[in-house]
Amino acid sequence: MESTPSDELIHSDQIELLKAAMPYLPKSGQQFASVFAKFLELQETFHVFLEPQGEMQTQDFTPKDPIEMLSACSKVCHGPAKEKIDTLLNTMAMIQIFELSQEKFTR
C-alpha cells in the first residue's frame, strides 16, 4: 500500500520498525505493539499539527482539483472502493474530453 503525504509526516523509523516486528511477536505482543504503534502515530500527529511553526512545516493538503485528490485516494485503496474511485476518475476524464471537443466546435 502506498503511503499518503500525511503518513509521511507522522511516521518515524521507530513506528515502522515496531510494525515490521509485529508478525514475529506472540499474539498478546502483537495486540500491544499494534495499539502502541497507533498511540505513537497519534502522539506524532499532535506534535506535527499542534506545535507552533517550528522546524517542520505542515503541508497544505488542499488539492488543486478533484481529479488530483481522487487519484491520490485510488493509490491507497483496494477492492470495491478503488473500483468506484477509478470509475469516477474515468467518467470525469470523459467529461473533460467531451467539454474540450465542444469548445473546439463552438469556436
Protein backbone atom coordinates (compact mmCIF):
# COMPACT_ATOMS: atom_id res chain seq x y z
CA MET A 1 0.00 0.00 0.00
CA GLU A 2 1.31 3.42 -0.91
CA SER A 3 1.74 6.00 1.83
CA THR A 4 -0.02 9.35 1.82
CA PRO A 5 1.57 12.77 2.47
CA SER A 6 0.06 12.82 5.96
CA ASP A 7 1.52 9.34 6.66
CA GLU A 8 4.95 10.60 5.70
CA LEU A 9 4.66 13.47 8.19
CA ILE A 10 3.79 11.28 11.17
CA HIS A 11 5.66 8.02 10.56
CA SER A 12 9.03 7.58 12.15
CA ASP A 13 11.56 4.77 11.89
CA GLN A 14 10.55 3.72 15.41
CA ILE A 15 6.92 3.22 14.37
CA GLU A 16 7.85 1.41 11.15
CA LEU A 17 10.23 -0.94 12.98
CA LEU A 18 7.53 -1.73 15.52
CA LYS A 19 5.06 -2.55 12.74
CA ALA A 20 7.63 -4.69 10.90
CA ALA A 21 8.30 -6.73 14.05
CA MET A 22 4.62 -7.39 14.82
CA PRO A 23 4.24 -10.65 12.84
CA TYR A 24 7.13 -12.18 14.80
CA LEU A 25 5.62 -11.48 18.23
CA PRO A 26 3.21 -13.73 20.13
CA LYS A 27 -0.46 -12.79 19.78
CA SER A 28 -0.55 -10.79 23.04
CA GLY A 29 2.60 -8.95 21.93
CA GLN A 30 1.03 -8.21 18.55
CA GLN A 31 -2.01 -6.67 20.23
CA PHE A 32 0.12 -4.48 22.48
CA ALA A 33 2.50 -3.47 19.67
CA SER A 34 -0.41 -2.58 17.38
CA VAL A 35 -2.05 -0.35 19.98
CA PHE A 36 1.30 1.17 20.95
CA ALA A 37 2.11 1.95 17.27
CA LYS A 38 -1.25 3.72 16.90
CA PHE A 39 -0.57 5.65 20.12
CA LEU A 40 2.82 6.77 18.77
CA GLU A 41 1.20 7.85 15.49
CA LEU A 42 -1.42 9.87 17.38
CA GLN A 43 1.26 11.42 19.56
CA GLU A 44 3.31 12.38 16.49
CA THR A 45 0.18 13.79 14.78
CA PHE A 46 -0.40 16.10 17.74
CA HIS A 47 3.27 17.05 17.70
CA VAL A 48 3.25 17.91 13.97
CA PHE A 49 -0.05 19.77 13.80
CA LEU A 50 -0.21 21.48 17.20
CA GLU A 51 3.40 22.59 17.55
CA PRO A 52 3.92 26.27 16.69
CA GLN A 53 5.65 26.82 13.35
CA GLY A 54 8.84 25.00 14.29
CA GLU A 55 11.35 23.24 12.12
CA MET A 56 8.74 21.15 10.30
CA GLN A 57 6.07 22.97 8.33
CA THR A 58 2.88 21.05 7.64
CA GLN A 59 1.90 20.82 4.01
CA ASP A 60 -1.21 22.42 2.61
CA PHE A 61 -3.21 19.33 1.64
CA THR A 62 -5.70 21.28 -0.46
CA PRO A 63 -5.86 19.51 -3.82
CA LYS A 64 -5.54 21.56 -6.95
CA ASP A 65 -8.55 19.79 -8.43
CA PRO A 66 -10.85 16.86 -7.59
CA ILE A 67 -9.07 14.56 -10.05
CA GLU A 68 -5.78 15.02 -8.18
CA MET A 69 -7.48 14.15 -4.88
CA LEU A 70 -9.27 11.11 -6.33
CA SER A 71 -6.05 9.88 -7.94
CA ALA A 72 -4.29 10.05 -4.57
CA CYS A 73 -7.17 8.17 -2.93
CA SER A 74 -7.15 5.50 -5.64
CA LYS A 75 -3.47 4.76 -4.99
CA VAL A 76 -4.14 3.76 -1.37
CA CYS A 77 -7.45 1.87 -1.82
CA HIS A 78 -8.25 -1.73 -2.72
CA GLY A 79 -11.28 -3.67 -3.87
CA PRO A 80 -14.69 -2.07 -4.38
CA ALA A 81 -13.63 1.36 -3.11
CA LYS A 82 -10.76 1.50 -5.63
CA GLU A 83 -13.07 0.34 -8.44
CA LYS A 84 -15.62 3.07 -7.62
CA ILE A 85 -12.95 5.78 -7.47
CA ASP A 86 -11.38 4.59 -10.74
CA THR A 87 -14.81 4.57 -12.42
CA LEU A 88 -15.41 8.11 -11.20
CA LEU A 89 -11.97 9.18 -12.47
CA ASN A 90 -12.66 7.66 -15.90
CA THR A 91 -16.07 9.35 -16.02
CA MET A 92 -14.55 12.72 -15.13
CA ALA A 93 -11.87 12.27 -17.78
CA MET A 94 -14.52 11.50 -20.43
CA ILE A 95 -16.49 14.59 -19.40
CA GLN A 96 -13.37 16.74 -19.74
CA ILE A 97 -12.68 15.30 -23.20
CA PHE A 98 -16.28 15.97 -24.21
CA GLU A 99 -16.08 19.56 -22.92
CA LEU A 100 -12.84 20.15 -24.81
CA SER A 101 -14.34 18.81 -28.03
CA GLN A 102 -17.38 21.06 -27.60
CA GLU A 103 -15.14 24.10 -27.13
CA LYS A 104 -13.39 23.29 -30.43
CA PHE A 105 -16.68 23.17 -32.30
CA THR A 106 -18.04 26.41 -30.81
CA ARG A 107 -15.03 28.49 -31.84
